[in-house]
Amino acid sequence: MMKKKLITLLLIAGTMNLSAQTLTERQLLLCACASLEAQGDLERLEPAIRSALDGGVTIGELKEAFSQLYAYTGFPRSLNALGSLQKVLAARKAQGIIDNEGKPWTRPAIWNDAERALKQGTEVQTRLTGKPFDYGFCPQDDYYLKSHLFGDIFAGEGLSAADRELVTVAALSSLKGVEPQLAAHKAGAVNMGNTREQVEELCKWLSDNGFSQSDCAADANAGAWPKGQPNTGYAQYFIGGSHLAPIRPANLAEGEGSVANYANVTFEPGCRNNWHIHHGAHQILICVSGRGWYQEWGKPAIALTPGMIIDIPDEVKHWHGAQRDSWFQHLTTHVATGGEQSNEWLEPVTDEIYNALK
């Protein structure tokens, strides 16, 4: 029974990255930058900007995306992202790299006509939502949405309407407490010219590659592993933040049957557990999203990606966790080998060891 359940989990994990890519590399790299802007993660944003520029995203598209996102993530994060873009461009220029400026920015004509902006914004909002929308409860916000967001901002020519919504979905998928808006913009992204499959592909790509831990990968959380609650019970054995989500078969009630204990562990970027040893059991890790590390004492570290499986023998000193610039999730379970089972927690993984990993 144990072997059958384990094989089932391995097969599930192995299919996580098999969906065909229909979004372009340019779109994905642009959305990665939007996700990190929303998180305010400037350390990861700078290399993401460099990758985006190398992958065909223009300077104008990045400017347009970061400026639009102030309406969703706030001016501080928008301005910080634009500051990171300036810093990256200055460094690349000093290295002799000439980046593509893209389409020259021009001031939208409707900025000079408030009534026209309101009319055009109302039309854009109606297309995006699929029907007329009026927020009568708060006329101020209704006007801001129609005239400014969907009027003034969407009038810019730096991004297509389809790409604007992908950028918005990427940002919202990286924020907590905005589930209604995320759901609305996933539908809006389809109404503005993307396919449903492309939107789901984007959300899954962001999660699988450590940019977002949102459960937006599919409707009703299908295909998304739960993040769980802060892992406070084991926090003393971790450097950085982690989360724990116990998992049990849906067909068994609490206390029913004899099953293995499964859990999904989510590591925030840079988080890792201490060196430790399992006695009386070997541990199995099934990597499901993001990028991580696994290392045994005296051996080189192994880079982990979704679909990989690590079988850790008992009595082997080891550690595992996220890479510096990525969230990471793995399922874990233990298989008894005889004798009393226990975990022996040892010293932390030093910054010297961890930061040397590439």
Protein backbone atom coordinates (compact mmCIF):
# COMPACT_ATOMS: atom_id res chain seq x y z
CA MET A 1 0.00 0.00 0.00
CA MET A 2 2.81 2.42 0.94
CA LYS A 3 4.62 1.74 -2.34
CA LYS A 4 1.45 2.26 -4.40
CA LYS A 5 0.69 5.61 -2.78
CA LEU A 6 4.27 6.77 -3.18
CA ILE A 7 4.32 5.86 -6.87
CA THR A 8 1.07 7.80 -7.37
CA LEU A 9 2.62 10.90 -5.81
CA LEU A 10 5.74 10.56 -7.94
CA LEU A 11 3.66 10.36 -11.11
CA ILE A 12 1.72 13.48 -10.12
CA ALA A 13 4.90 15.43 -9.41
CA GLY A 14 6.47 14.30 -12.66
CA THR A 15 3.69 15.88 -14.73
CA MET A 16 3.91 19.34 -13.16
CA ASN A 17 6.04 20.90 -15.94
CA LEU A 18 4.69 19.12 -19.00
CA SER A 19 2.21 21.73 -20.27
CA ALA A 20 3.05 23.16 -23.69
CA GLN A 21 4.31 26.74 -23.71
CA THR A 22 2.20 29.14 -25.77
CA LEU A 23 3.36 32.44 -24.24
CA THR A 24 6.50 33.99 -25.69
CA GLU A 25 9.75 34.25 -23.77
CA ARG A 26 9.33 38.05 -23.88
CA GLN A 27 5.93 37.85 -22.19
CA LEU A 28 7.15 35.49 -19.46
CA LEU A 29 10.23 37.59 -18.68
CA LEU A 30 8.12 40.75 -18.54
CA CYS A 31 5.66 39.07 -16.17
CA ALA A 32 8.50 37.84 -13.94
CA CYS A 33 9.53 41.47 -13.49
CA ALA A 34 5.92 42.42 -12.69
CA SER A 35 5.71 39.68 -10.07
CA LEU A 36 8.89 40.84 -8.33
CA GLU A 37 7.78 44.49 -8.50
CA ALA A 38 4.59 43.52 -6.66
CA GLN A 39 6.60 41.70 -3.99
CA GLY A 40 8.95 44.64 -3.59
CA ASP A 41 11.85 42.20 -4.00
CA LEU A 42 14.48 44.51 -5.49
CA GLU A 43 17.34 42.04 -4.95
CA ARG A 44 15.71 39.56 -7.33
CA LEU A 45 14.24 42.23 -9.60
CA GLU A 46 17.57 43.53 -10.92
CA PRO A 47 18.73 40.20 -12.43
CA ALA A 48 15.18 39.64 -13.70
CA ILE A 49 15.34 43.00 -15.50
CA ARG A 50 18.67 42.02 -17.06
CA SER A 51 17.21 38.72 -18.24
CA ALA A 52 14.17 40.53 -19.63
CA LEU A 53 16.30 42.97 -21.61
CA ASP A 54 18.43 40.10 -22.94
CA GLY A 55 15.25 38.20 -23.85
CA GLY A 56 13.69 40.87 -26.05
CA VAL A 57 11.70 43.04 -23.61
CA THR A 58 12.21 46.70 -24.48
CA ILE A 59 13.01 49.52 -22.08
CA GLY A 60 9.70 51.15 -22.99
CA GLU A 61 7.74 48.00 -22.14
CA LEU A 62 9.37 47.77 -18.72
CA LYS A 63 8.69 51.44 -18.04
CA GLU A 64 5.07 51.04 -19.09
CA ALA A 65 4.58 47.91 -16.96
CA PHE A 66 6.14 49.39 -13.80
CA SER A 67 4.26 52.67 -14.16
CA GLN A 68 0.92 50.91 -14.74
CA LEU A 69 1.42 48.71 -11.68
CA TYR A 70 1.34 51.70 -9.33
CA ALA A 71 -2.47 51.39 -9.63
CA TYR A 72 -2.29 47.83 -8.26
CA THR A 73 0.80 47.75 -6.02
CA GLY A 74 1.22 51.40 -4.97
CA PHE A 75 3.56 54.21 -5.97
CA PRO A 76 6.44 53.16 -3.65
CA ARG A 77 6.91 49.78 -5.34
CA SER A 78 6.36 51.25 -8.80
CA LEU A 79 8.99 53.93 -8.23
CA ASN A 80 11.42 51.46 -6.65
CA ALA A 81 11.10 49.18 -9.67
CA LEU A 82 11.71 52.09 -12.04
CA GLY A 83 14.75 53.00 -9.94
CA SER A 84 16.05 49.44 -10.32
CA LEU A 85 15.54 49.70 -14.07
CA GLN A 86 17.55 52.94 -14.16
CA LYS A 87 20.35 51.32 -12.16
CA VAL A 88 20.50 48.27 -14.44
CA LEU A 89 20.48 50.39 -17.60
CA ALA A 90 23.30 52.60 -16.33
CA ALA A 91 25.44 49.56 -15.52
CA ARG A 92 24.77 47.95 -18.89
CA LYS A 93 25.53 51.19 -20.73
CA ALA A 94 28.87 51.38 -18.90
CA GLN A 95 29.58 47.85 -20.16
CA GLY A 96 28.84 48.93 -23.73
CA ILE A 97 25.47 47.16 -23.94
CA ILE A 98 22.93 48.98 -26.12
CA ASP A 99 19.40 47.99 -25.09
CA ASN A 100 16.31 48.31 -27.27
CA GLU A 101 14.38 51.44 -26.33
CA GLY A 102 11.27 50.18 -28.07
CA LYS A 103 8.45 52.38 -29.26
CA PRO A 104 9.04 56.06 -28.38
CA TRP A 105 6.74 57.29 -25.62
CA THR A 106 4.14 59.85 -26.63
CA ARG A 107 1.66 61.65 -24.41
CA PRO A 108 -1.84 60.16 -24.96
CA ALA A 109 -4.20 62.73 -26.43
CA ILE A 110 -6.98 61.87 -23.99
CA TRP A 111 -4.87 63.22 -21.11
CA ASN A 112 -5.99 66.64 -22.28
CA ASP A 113 -9.70 65.73 -22.35
CA ALA A 114 -11.24 64.40 -19.13
CA GLU A 115 -14.58 63.56 -20.74
CA ARG A 116 -12.91 61.62 -23.52
CA ALA A 117 -10.78 59.72 -20.99
CA LEU A 118 -13.92 58.81 -19.03
CA LYS A 119 -15.72 57.63 -22.16
CA GLN A 120 -12.78 55.61 -23.49
CA GLY A 121 -12.04 54.14 -20.05
CA THR A 122 -15.65 53.05 -19.66
CA GLU A 123 -15.45 51.23 -22.98
CA VAL A 124 -12.18 49.51 -22.01
CA GLN A 125 -13.57 48.49 -18.61
CA THR A 126 -16.70 47.08 -20.22
CA ARG A 127 -14.61 45.00 -22.61
CA LEU A 128 -12.36 43.78 -19.81
CA THR A 129 -15.18 42.78 -17.43
CA GLY A 130 -17.46 41.48 -20.18
CA LYS A 131 -20.33 43.79 -19.21
CA PRO A 132 -20.92 47.36 -18.01
CA PHE A 133 -19.61 47.90 -14.49
CA ASP A 134 -20.68 50.69 -12.15
CA TYR A 135 -19.45 50.96 -8.57
CA GLY A 136 -22.28 53.06 -7.23
CA PHE A 137 -21.33 52.39 -3.62
CA CYS A 138 -18.27 54.63 -4.05
CA PRO A 139 -18.59 57.02 -7.03
CA GLN A 140 -15.05 58.29 -6.46
CA ASP A 141 -13.48 54.89 -7.08
CA ASP A 142 -15.85 54.28 -9.99
CA TYR A 143 -14.52 57.46 -11.62
CA TYR A 144 -10.88 56.67 -10.84
CA LEU A 145 -11.22 53.21 -12.40
CA LYS A 146 -12.96 54.40 -15.55
CA SER A 147 -11.21 57.69 -16.22
CA HIS A 148 -7.73 57.13 -14.84
CA LEU A 149 -6.88 53.40 -14.78
CA PHE A 150 -8.75 52.18 -17.85
CA GLY A 151 -8.70 55.61 -19.51
CA ASP A 152 -5.43 57.45 -18.91
CA ILE A 153 -3.20 54.47 -18.15
CA PHE A 154 -4.59 52.01 -20.70
CA ALA A 155 -4.30 54.70 -23.40
CA GLY A 156 -0.52 54.32 -23.36
CA GLU A 157 0.89 52.63 -26.46
CA GLY A 158 3.82 50.96 -24.69
CA LEU A 159 1.95 47.69 -24.11
CA SER A 160 -0.90 45.93 -25.87
CA ALA A 161 -4.13 45.42 -23.94
CA ALA A 162 -3.42 41.67 -23.82
CA ASP A 163 0.07 42.17 -22.37
CA ARG A 164 -1.20 44.75 -19.87
CA GLU A 165 -3.54 42.18 -18.40
CA LEU A 166 -0.85 39.50 -18.25
CA VAL A 167 1.34 41.96 -16.33
CA THR A 168 -1.57 42.69 -13.97
CA VAL A 169 -2.27 38.99 -13.37
CA ALA A 170 1.42 38.40 -12.63
CA ALA A 171 1.47 41.21 -10.08
CA LEU A 172 -1.80 40.26 -8.36
CA SER A 173 -0.77 36.60 -8.16
CA SER A 174 2.17 37.77 -6.04
CA LEU A 175 0.09 39.71 -3.51
CA LYS A 176 -1.90 38.42 -0.55
CA GLY A 177 -5.54 39.31 0.06
CA VAL A 178 -6.43 40.26 -3.52
CA GLU A 179 -8.12 37.04 -4.64
CA PRO A 180 -11.30 38.73 -6.01
CA GLN A 181 -9.22 41.12 -8.11
CA LEU A 182 -6.98 38.29 -9.32
CA ALA A 183 -9.98 36.25 -10.40
CA ALA A 184 -11.46 39.26 -12.21
CA HIS A 185 -8.24 40.01 -14.07
CA LYS A 186 -7.67 36.39 -15.05
CA ALA A 187 -11.03 36.58 -16.80
CA GLY A 188 -10.17 40.06 -18.07
CA ALA A 189 -6.91 38.81 -19.57
CA VAL A 190 -8.94 36.45 -21.75
CA ASN A 191 -11.37 39.21 -22.72
CA MET A 192 -8.44 41.42 -23.75
CA GLY A 193 -7.01 38.90 -26.22
CA ASN A 194 -5.23 36.07 -24.39
CA THR A 195 -6.49 32.51 -24.30
CA ARG A 196 -7.60 30.85 -21.07
CA GLU A 197 -4.78 28.34 -21.51
CA GLN A 198 -2.21 31.14 -21.74
CA VAL A 199 -3.44 32.72 -18.49
CA GLU A 200 -3.29 29.41 -16.63
CA GLU A 201 0.12 28.73 -18.15
CA LEU A 202 1.38 32.08 -16.85
CA CYS A 203 0.21 31.43 -13.30
CA LYS A 204 1.72 27.95 -13.27
CA TRP A 205 4.99 29.21 -14.75
CA LEU A 206 5.28 31.91 -12.08
CA SER A 207 4.71 29.33 -9.34
CA ASP A 208 6.94 26.62 -10.81
CA ASN A 209 9.82 29.03 -11.29
CA GLY A 210 9.69 30.57 -7.84
CA PHE A 211 8.22 33.97 -8.68
CA SER A 212 4.86 33.50 -6.99
CA GLN A 213 3.28 31.18 -4.45
CA SER A 214 -0.28 32.10 -5.39
CA ASP A 215 -2.88 29.36 -5.79
CA CYS A 216 -3.94 30.91 -9.12
CA ALA A 217 -2.47 28.08 -11.19
CA ALA A 218 -5.97 26.91 -12.13
CA ASP A 219 -9.58 27.31 -11.11
CA ALA A 220 -10.46 25.90 -7.67
CA ASN A 221 -6.71 25.59 -6.98
CA ALA A 222 -6.41 22.59 -9.28
CA GLY A 223 -2.77 21.73 -9.74
CA ALA A 224 -1.62 24.06 -6.93
CA TRP A 225 -0.03 22.63 -3.80
CA PRO A 226 -1.18 24.29 -0.57
CA LYS A 227 1.23 26.70 1.08
CA GLY A 228 -0.06 26.04 4.59
CA GLN A 229 0.67 28.00 7.75
CA PRO A 230 3.94 29.50 9.06
CA ASN A 231 6.14 26.65 10.25
CA THR A 232 6.52 28.04 13.77
CA GLY A 233 6.92 24.62 15.41
CA TYR A 234 10.24 24.05 13.60
CA ALA A 235 11.32 27.67 13.12
CA GLN A 236 14.28 27.19 15.47
CA TYR A 237 15.73 24.69 12.99
CA PHE A 238 15.37 26.95 9.92
CA ILE A 239 17.14 30.04 8.61
CA GLY A 240 14.45 32.16 6.96
CA GLY A 241 10.70 31.71 6.68
CA SER A 242 8.96 28.42 5.90
CA HIS A 243 5.38 27.15 5.78
CA LEU A 244 3.89 23.72 6.46
CA ALA A 245 0.77 22.11 4.97
CA PRO A 246 -0.09 18.59 6.21
CA ILE A 247 -1.65 16.43 3.48
CA ARG A 248 -3.83 13.36 3.94
CA PRO A 249 -5.87 11.31 1.43
CA ALA A 250 -9.23 12.93 0.72
CA ASN A 251 -11.08 9.60 0.94
CA LEU A 252 -10.06 8.99 4.56
CA ALA A 253 -11.57 10.73 7.56
CA GLU A 254 -9.42 12.00 10.42
CA GLY A 255 -8.05 9.03 12.36
CA GLU A 256 -9.21 6.53 9.74
CA GLY A 257 -6.83 4.02 8.22
CA SER A 258 -3.09 3.65 8.49
CA VAL A 259 -1.37 6.01 6.05
CA ALA A 260 1.99 7.67 5.66
CA ASN A 261 2.34 11.22 6.90
CA TYR A 262 2.73 13.55 3.94
CA ALA A 263 3.32 17.29 4.09
CA ASN A 264 4.09 20.11 1.70
CA VAL A 265 6.90 22.37 2.91
CA THR A 266 7.22 25.83 1.36
CA PHE A 267 10.56 27.66 1.70
CA GLU A 268 10.77 31.39 1.12
CA PRO A 269 13.74 32.59 -0.99
CA GLY A 270 16.98 31.93 0.88
CA CYS A 271 15.34 29.71 3.51
CA ARG A 272 16.94 26.40 4.45
CA ASN A 273 16.77 23.97 7.34
CA ASN A 274 19.71 23.03 9.57
CA TRP A 275 21.90 20.03 8.97
CA HIS A 276 20.00 17.06 10.38
CA ILE A 277 19.85 13.25 10.48
CA HIS A 278 16.82 10.93 10.32
CA HIS A 279 17.05 7.87 12.56
CA GLY A 280 14.90 4.80 11.90
CA ALA A 281 13.49 6.11 8.61
CA HIS A 282 14.54 7.43 5.25
CA GLN A 283 12.99 10.63 3.97
CA ILE A 284 11.59 11.19 0.47
CA LEU A 285 11.39 14.67 -1.07
CA ILE A 286 9.19 15.29 -4.13
CA CYS A 287 9.91 18.72 -5.61
CA VAL A 288 6.74 20.43 -6.87
CA SER A 289 7.54 24.13 -7.51
CA GLY A 290 10.33 26.67 -7.52
CA ARG A 291 14.04 25.92 -7.20
CA GLY A 292 15.93 24.53 -4.24
CA TRP A 293 19.04 22.78 -2.94
CA TYR A 294 19.77 19.40 -1.33
CA GLN A 295 23.16 18.52 0.12
CA GLU A 296 24.62 15.58 2.02
CA TRP A 297 27.60 16.06 4.33
CA GLY A 298 30.86 15.92 2.38
CA LYS A 299 29.15 15.89 -1.03
CA PRO A 300 28.32 18.61 -3.63
CA ALA A 301 24.88 20.22 -3.40
CA ILE A 302 22.20 19.16 -5.88
CA ALA A 303 20.03 21.84 -7.52
CA LEU A 304 16.33 20.91 -7.24
CA THR A 305 13.56 21.67 -9.74
CA PRO A 306 9.93 20.50 -10.07
CA GLY A 307 9.58 16.78 -10.76
CA MET A 308 12.86 15.78 -9.10
CA ILE A 309 12.81 13.18 -6.31
CA ILE A 310 15.34 12.80 -3.52
CA ASP A 311 15.50 9.63 -1.41
CA ILE A 312 17.51 10.37 1.75
CA PRO A 313 18.88 7.30 3.55
CA ASP A 314 18.61 7.15 7.31
CA GLU A 315 21.70 8.13 9.31
CA VAL A 316 22.85 10.56 6.56
CA LYS A 317 23.60 14.14 7.60
CA HIS A 318 21.99 16.58 5.14
CA TRP A 319 19.98 19.77 4.60
CA HIS A 320 17.53 21.13 2.02
CA GLY A 321 15.89 24.44 1.21
CA ALA A 322 15.24 27.17 -1.36
CA GLN A 323 17.71 28.85 -3.64
CA ARG A 324 18.48 32.49 -2.88
CA ASP A 325 16.29 33.94 -5.61
CA SER A 326 13.36 31.52 -5.62
CA TRP A 327 10.55 30.13 -3.53
CA PHE A 328 10.65 26.35 -3.27
CA GLN A 329 8.12 23.64 -2.38
CA HIS A 330 8.56 19.94 -1.82
CA LEU A 331 6.34 17.15 -0.58
CA THR A 332 7.91 15.03 2.11
CA THR A 333 7.24 11.72 3.79
CA HIS A 334 9.22 9.19 5.84
CA VAL A 335 9.46 5.43 5.34
CA ALA A 336 10.38 3.36 8.40
CA THR A 337 13.54 1.27 8.25
CA GLY A 338 13.23 -0.30 11.69
CA GLY A 339 13.91 0.89 15.19
CA GLU A 340 12.80 4.08 16.89
CA GLN A 341 12.20 7.02 14.57
CA SER A 342 13.58 10.48 15.40
CA ASN A 343 15.12 13.58 13.83
CA GLU A 344 18.46 14.80 15.12
CA TRP A 345 18.77 18.53 14.44
CA LEU A 346 22.32 19.83 14.13
CA GLU A 347 24.12 23.09 13.29
CA PRO A 348 22.76 25.68 10.83
CA VAL A 349 23.95 25.82 7.23
CA THR A 350 26.33 28.78 7.33
CA ASP A 351 26.09 31.73 4.95
CA GLU A 352 29.57 30.82 3.71
CA ILE A 353 28.40 27.40 2.57
CA TYR A 354 25.02 28.54 1.28
CA ASN A 355 26.14 31.66 -0.58
CA ALA A 356 28.89 29.71 -2.37
CA LEU A 357 26.27 27.55 -4.14
CA LYS A 358 25.67 28.47 -7.77
